[in-house]
């Protein structure tokens, strides 16, 4: 499966060890970086764009990473918004790149 997800904390940090500069309080880049670090350390195929992080693997491993990334982002706010979209296609792997390859090939016609 491939999951595209986005996390965005809001409110004051729930973790007292998280301190944000006054100029950074309207931005979520520190929380997003912390969440993306969890994804990258998972070892699963992934990519991050300006709006979403995609991760590929089986249901349990992908959802575990999403949960841990959401928990990490949650340290930066009193609540977290999670947007998640999944492409569940049993028996297929390598689709995080395969889908894009097919689109690029179609554009080259």
N, C-alpha and C. Protein backbone atom coordinates (compact mmCIF):
# COMPACT_ATOMS: atom_id res chain seq x y z
N UNK A 1 0.84 -1.18 0.00
CA UNK A 1 0.00 0.00 0.00
C UNK A 1 0.88 1.23 0.00
N UNK A 2 0.33 2.29 -0.55
CA UNK A 2 0.98 3.60 -0.49
C UNK A 2 0.04 4.51 0.30
N UNK A 3 0.61 5.22 1.25
CA UNK A 3 -0.16 6.19 2.01
C UNK A 3 0.47 7.56 1.82
N UNK A 4 -0.35 8.53 1.50
CA UNK A 4 0.05 9.93 1.47
C UNK A 4 -0.58 10.57 2.69
N UNK A 5 0.24 11.21 3.51
CA UNK A 5 -0.33 11.83 4.71
C UNK A 5 0.33 13.16 5.00
N UNK A 6 -0.41 13.95 5.76
CA UNK A 6 0.05 15.27 6.18
C UNK A 6 -0.36 15.47 7.63
N UNK A 7 0.55 15.98 8.43
CA UNK A 7 0.24 16.28 9.83
C UNK A 7 0.49 17.76 10.09
N UNK A 8 -0.36 18.35 10.89
CA UNK A 8 -0.21 19.77 11.23
C UNK A 8 -0.70 19.99 12.66
N UNK A 9 0.21 20.28 13.57
CA UNK A 9 -0.20 20.57 14.93
C UNK A 9 -0.73 22.00 15.04
N UNK A 10 -1.54 22.23 16.05
CA UNK A 10 -1.99 23.59 16.35
C UNK A 10 -2.05 23.74 17.86
N UNK A 11 -2.09 24.98 18.29
CA UNK A 11 -2.11 25.26 19.72
C UNK A 11 -0.70 25.28 20.30
N UNK A 12 -0.64 25.49 21.58
CA UNK A 12 0.66 25.53 22.26
C UNK A 12 1.23 24.12 22.35
N UNK A 13 2.56 24.00 22.27
CA UNK A 13 3.17 22.67 22.36
C UNK A 13 2.73 21.92 23.61
N UNK A 14 2.39 20.65 23.43
CA UNK A 14 1.99 19.82 24.56
C UNK A 14 3.21 19.30 25.31
N UNK A 15 4.36 19.29 24.65
CA UNK A 15 5.60 18.83 25.25
C UNK A 15 6.37 20.05 25.75
N UNK A 16 6.60 20.15 27.07
CA UNK A 16 7.28 21.32 27.61
C UNK A 16 8.71 21.49 27.11
N UNK A 17 9.31 20.42 26.56
CA UNK A 17 10.68 20.53 26.06
C UNK A 17 10.73 21.17 24.68
N UNK A 18 9.56 21.32 24.02
CA UNK A 18 9.50 21.95 22.70
C UNK A 18 9.35 23.45 22.89
N UNK A 19 10.31 24.20 22.40
CA UNK A 19 10.22 25.65 22.43
C UNK A 19 10.36 26.17 21.01
N UNK A 20 9.47 27.05 20.64
CA UNK A 20 9.49 27.64 19.31
C UNK A 20 9.77 29.12 19.43
N UNK A 21 10.62 29.62 18.54
CA UNK A 21 10.86 31.06 18.50
C UNK A 21 9.55 31.75 18.14
N UNK A 22 9.39 32.96 18.62
CA UNK A 22 8.16 33.72 18.34
C UNK A 22 7.87 33.76 16.84
N UNK A 23 8.92 33.91 16.03
CA UNK A 23 8.74 33.99 14.58
C UNK A 23 8.32 32.67 13.97
N UNK A 24 8.52 31.54 14.67
CA UNK A 24 8.18 30.22 14.14
C UNK A 24 6.83 29.70 14.61
N UNK A 25 6.14 30.41 15.46
CA UNK A 25 4.91 29.88 16.04
C UNK A 25 3.78 29.74 15.04
N UNK A 26 3.82 30.46 13.94
CA UNK A 26 2.79 30.33 12.92
C UNK A 26 3.15 29.27 11.88
N UNK A 27 4.34 28.70 11.98
CA UNK A 27 4.82 27.71 11.03
C UNK A 27 4.83 26.32 11.67
N UNK A 28 4.68 25.30 10.84
CA UNK A 28 4.72 23.94 11.37
C UNK A 28 5.95 23.17 10.86
N UNK A 29 6.92 23.88 10.29
CA UNK A 29 8.05 23.19 9.67
C UNK A 29 8.86 22.34 10.65
N UNK A 30 9.00 22.78 11.89
CA UNK A 30 9.75 21.98 12.87
C UNK A 30 9.01 20.68 13.18
N UNK A 31 7.70 20.76 13.34
CA UNK A 31 6.90 19.56 13.61
C UNK A 31 6.90 18.62 12.41
N UNK A 32 6.79 19.18 11.21
CA UNK A 32 6.82 18.37 10.00
C UNK A 32 8.17 17.69 9.86
N UNK A 33 9.24 18.41 10.12
CA UNK A 33 10.58 17.81 10.05
C UNK A 33 10.72 16.65 11.04
N UNK A 34 10.18 16.82 12.23
CA UNK A 34 10.23 15.74 13.23
C UNK A 34 9.45 14.52 12.75
N UNK A 35 8.30 14.75 12.12
CA UNK A 35 7.49 13.63 11.61
C UNK A 35 8.19 12.95 10.43
N UNK A 36 8.76 13.74 9.54
CA UNK A 36 9.45 13.18 8.38
C UNK A 36 10.68 12.39 8.82
N UNK A 37 11.33 12.83 9.86
CA UNK A 37 12.48 12.08 10.40
C UNK A 37 12.06 10.65 10.79
N UNK A 38 10.89 10.54 11.42
CA UNK A 38 10.36 9.21 11.79
C UNK A 38 10.15 8.37 10.54
N UNK A 39 9.57 8.96 9.51
CA UNK A 39 9.31 8.24 8.26
C UNK A 39 10.62 7.77 7.64
N UNK A 40 11.58 8.66 7.53
CA UNK A 40 12.85 8.31 6.88
C UNK A 40 13.62 7.26 7.67
N UNK A 41 13.55 7.32 8.98
CA UNK A 41 14.24 6.33 9.80
C UNK A 41 13.58 4.96 9.74
N UNK A 42 12.34 4.90 9.24
CA UNK A 42 11.63 3.62 9.15
C UNK A 42 12.27 2.68 8.13
N UNK A 43 12.96 3.23 7.16
CA UNK A 43 13.56 2.42 6.12
C UNK A 43 12.60 2.06 4.99
N UNK A 44 11.33 2.42 5.12
CA UNK A 44 10.36 2.14 4.06
C UNK A 44 10.53 3.15 2.92
N UNK A 45 10.21 2.75 1.69
CA UNK A 45 10.27 3.70 0.58
C UNK A 45 9.36 4.90 0.89
N UNK A 46 9.89 6.11 0.68
CA UNK A 46 9.11 7.30 0.99
C UNK A 46 9.59 8.48 0.16
N UNK A 47 8.76 9.50 0.11
CA UNK A 47 9.15 10.79 -0.48
C UNK A 47 8.29 11.86 0.17
N UNK A 48 8.85 13.05 0.23
CA UNK A 48 8.14 14.18 0.84
C UNK A 48 8.08 15.31 -0.18
N UNK A 49 6.90 15.89 -0.30
CA UNK A 49 6.71 17.07 -1.14
C UNK A 49 6.29 18.23 -0.23
N UNK A 50 5.92 19.32 -0.83
CA UNK A 50 5.55 20.49 -0.03
C UNK A 50 4.25 20.30 0.75
N UNK A 51 3.43 19.32 0.36
CA UNK A 51 2.14 19.14 1.00
C UNK A 51 1.95 17.80 1.70
N UNK A 52 2.61 16.74 1.23
CA UNK A 52 2.38 15.40 1.76
C UNK A 52 3.68 14.62 1.85
N UNK A 53 3.66 13.61 2.67
CA UNK A 53 4.70 12.59 2.69
C UNK A 53 4.05 11.29 2.27
N UNK A 54 4.68 10.58 1.35
CA UNK A 54 4.20 9.28 0.89
C UNK A 54 5.10 8.20 1.46
N UNK A 55 4.51 7.07 1.80
CA UNK A 55 5.26 5.95 2.34
C UNK A 55 4.64 4.66 1.80
N UNK A 56 5.49 3.68 1.47
CA UNK A 56 4.99 2.43 0.90
C UNK A 56 5.43 1.25 1.75
N UNK A 57 4.52 0.32 1.95
CA UNK A 57 4.81 -0.90 2.70
C UNK A 57 3.52 -1.64 2.96
N UNK A 58 3.57 -2.61 3.86
CA UNK A 58 2.32 -3.31 4.18
C UNK A 58 1.54 -2.52 5.22
N UNK A 59 0.27 -2.86 5.36
CA UNK A 59 -0.67 -2.11 6.20
C UNK A 59 -0.10 -1.81 7.59
N UNK A 60 0.32 -2.86 8.29
CA UNK A 60 0.76 -2.68 9.68
C UNK A 60 1.98 -1.79 9.80
N UNK A 61 2.97 -2.00 8.94
CA UNK A 61 4.18 -1.20 9.07
C UNK A 61 3.95 0.26 8.67
N UNK A 62 3.16 0.48 7.62
CA UNK A 62 2.87 1.86 7.20
C UNK A 62 2.07 2.59 8.27
N UNK A 63 1.02 1.95 8.78
CA UNK A 63 0.18 2.63 9.77
C UNK A 63 0.94 2.87 11.08
N UNK A 64 1.86 1.98 11.42
CA UNK A 64 2.70 2.20 12.60
C UNK A 64 3.56 3.44 12.42
N UNK A 65 4.15 3.61 11.25
CA UNK A 65 4.99 4.78 10.98
C UNK A 65 4.14 6.05 11.00
N UNK A 66 2.96 6.00 10.38
CA UNK A 66 2.07 7.18 10.39
C UNK A 66 1.69 7.54 11.83
N UNK A 67 1.37 6.54 12.65
CA UNK A 67 1.02 6.81 14.05
C UNK A 67 2.19 7.46 14.80
N UNK A 68 3.38 6.89 14.63
CA UNK A 68 4.54 7.44 15.33
C UNK A 68 4.89 8.85 14.84
N UNK A 69 4.75 9.09 13.54
CA UNK A 69 5.01 10.43 13.00
C UNK A 69 3.98 11.43 13.51
N UNK A 70 2.73 11.01 13.61
CA UNK A 70 1.67 11.88 14.13
C UNK A 70 1.91 12.18 15.61
N UNK A 71 2.30 11.17 16.37
CA UNK A 71 2.62 11.38 17.78
C UNK A 71 3.76 12.38 17.94
N UNK A 72 4.77 12.24 17.09
CA UNK A 72 5.92 13.15 17.17
C UNK A 72 5.50 14.58 16.85
N UNK A 73 4.70 14.75 15.80
CA UNK A 73 4.21 16.10 15.46
C UNK A 73 3.35 16.65 16.58
N UNK A 74 2.64 15.78 17.28
CA UNK A 74 1.77 16.20 18.37
C UNK A 74 2.50 16.85 19.53
N UNK A 75 3.78 16.61 19.65
CA UNK A 75 4.57 17.27 20.70
C UNK A 75 4.61 18.78 20.48
N UNK A 76 4.35 19.23 19.25
CA UNK A 76 4.46 20.64 18.88
C UNK A 76 3.14 21.39 18.96
N UNK A 77 2.09 20.75 19.46
CA UNK A 77 0.80 21.42 19.58
C UNK A 77 -0.09 20.68 20.56
N UNK A 78 -1.21 21.29 20.86
CA UNK A 78 -2.17 20.67 21.77
C UNK A 78 -3.16 19.79 21.02
N UNK A 79 -3.14 19.87 19.68
CA UNK A 79 -3.95 18.99 18.85
C UNK A 79 -3.24 18.83 17.51
N UNK A 80 -3.60 17.77 16.79
CA UNK A 80 -2.97 17.50 15.49
C UNK A 80 -4.04 17.18 14.46
N UNK A 81 -3.91 17.77 13.30
CA UNK A 81 -4.75 17.43 12.16
C UNK A 81 -3.98 16.44 11.30
N UNK A 82 -4.62 15.32 10.97
CA UNK A 82 -4.02 14.29 10.13
C UNK A 82 -4.88 14.11 8.89
N UNK A 83 -4.29 14.27 7.72
CA UNK A 83 -4.95 13.98 6.45
C UNK A 83 -4.25 12.76 5.88
N UNK A 84 -5.02 11.75 5.50
CA UNK A 84 -4.43 10.50 5.03
C UNK A 84 -5.22 9.97 3.83
N UNK A 85 -4.48 9.57 2.81
CA UNK A 85 -5.08 8.94 1.63
C UNK A 85 -4.28 7.68 1.35
N UNK A 86 -4.95 6.56 1.10
CA UNK A 86 -4.26 5.29 0.90
C UNK A 86 -4.65 4.66 -0.42
N UNK A 87 -3.66 4.06 -1.08
CA UNK A 87 -3.87 3.24 -2.26
C UNK A 87 -3.51 1.81 -1.85
N UNK A 88 -4.54 1.00 -1.63
CA UNK A 88 -4.35 -0.36 -1.13
C UNK A 88 -4.46 -1.30 -2.32
N UNK A 89 -3.32 -1.90 -2.67
CA UNK A 89 -3.26 -2.76 -3.84
C UNK A 89 -2.44 -3.99 -3.50
N UNK A 90 -3.07 -5.00 -2.89
CA UNK A 90 -2.34 -6.19 -2.46
C UNK A 90 -1.56 -6.84 -3.61
N UNK A 91 -0.35 -7.31 -3.28
CA UNK A 91 0.47 -8.01 -4.25
C UNK A 91 1.33 -7.11 -5.12
N UNK A 92 1.25 -5.82 -4.92
CA UNK A 92 2.06 -4.89 -5.72
C UNK A 92 3.04 -4.15 -4.81
N UNK A 93 4.27 -4.08 -5.24
CA UNK A 93 5.30 -3.31 -4.53
C UNK A 93 6.01 -2.43 -5.56
N UNK A 94 6.75 -1.47 -5.08
CA UNK A 94 7.48 -0.57 -5.97
C UNK A 94 6.60 0.43 -6.68
N UNK A 95 5.37 0.56 -6.23
CA UNK A 95 4.43 1.47 -6.90
C UNK A 95 4.65 2.93 -6.55
N UNK A 96 5.40 3.21 -5.50
CA UNK A 96 5.67 4.62 -5.16
C UNK A 96 6.43 5.28 -6.32
N UNK A 97 7.23 4.49 -7.04
CA UNK A 97 7.91 4.98 -8.24
C UNK A 97 7.19 4.53 -9.51
N UNK A 98 6.65 3.31 -9.49
CA UNK A 98 6.01 2.76 -10.68
C UNK A 98 4.87 3.61 -11.22
N UNK A 99 4.06 4.13 -10.33
CA UNK A 99 2.94 4.97 -10.76
C UNK A 99 3.44 6.21 -11.48
N UNK A 100 4.47 6.84 -10.94
CA UNK A 100 5.03 8.04 -11.57
C UNK A 100 5.70 7.71 -12.89
N UNK A 101 6.40 6.58 -12.95
CA UNK A 101 7.05 6.16 -14.20
C UNK A 101 6.03 6.01 -15.32
N UNK A 102 4.88 5.42 -15.00
CA UNK A 102 3.85 5.22 -16.02
C UNK A 102 3.26 6.56 -16.49
N UNK A 103 3.10 7.50 -15.59
CA UNK A 103 2.59 8.82 -15.97
C UNK A 103 3.61 9.54 -16.86
N UNK A 104 4.89 9.49 -16.45
CA UNK A 104 5.93 10.15 -17.25
C UNK A 104 6.03 9.53 -18.63
N UNK A 105 5.90 8.20 -18.72
CA UNK A 105 5.92 7.54 -20.02
C UNK A 105 4.75 8.01 -20.88
N UNK A 106 3.57 8.12 -20.28
CA UNK A 106 2.39 8.59 -21.01
C UNK A 106 2.58 10.02 -21.48
N UNK A 107 3.22 10.85 -20.69
CA UNK A 107 3.46 12.25 -21.10
C UNK A 107 4.46 12.35 -22.25
N UNK A 108 5.32 11.36 -22.34
CA UNK A 108 6.34 11.38 -23.39
C UNK A 108 5.82 10.96 -24.75
N UNK A 109 4.58 10.49 -24.84
CA UNK A 109 4.02 10.03 -26.13
C UNK A 109 3.76 11.17 -27.06
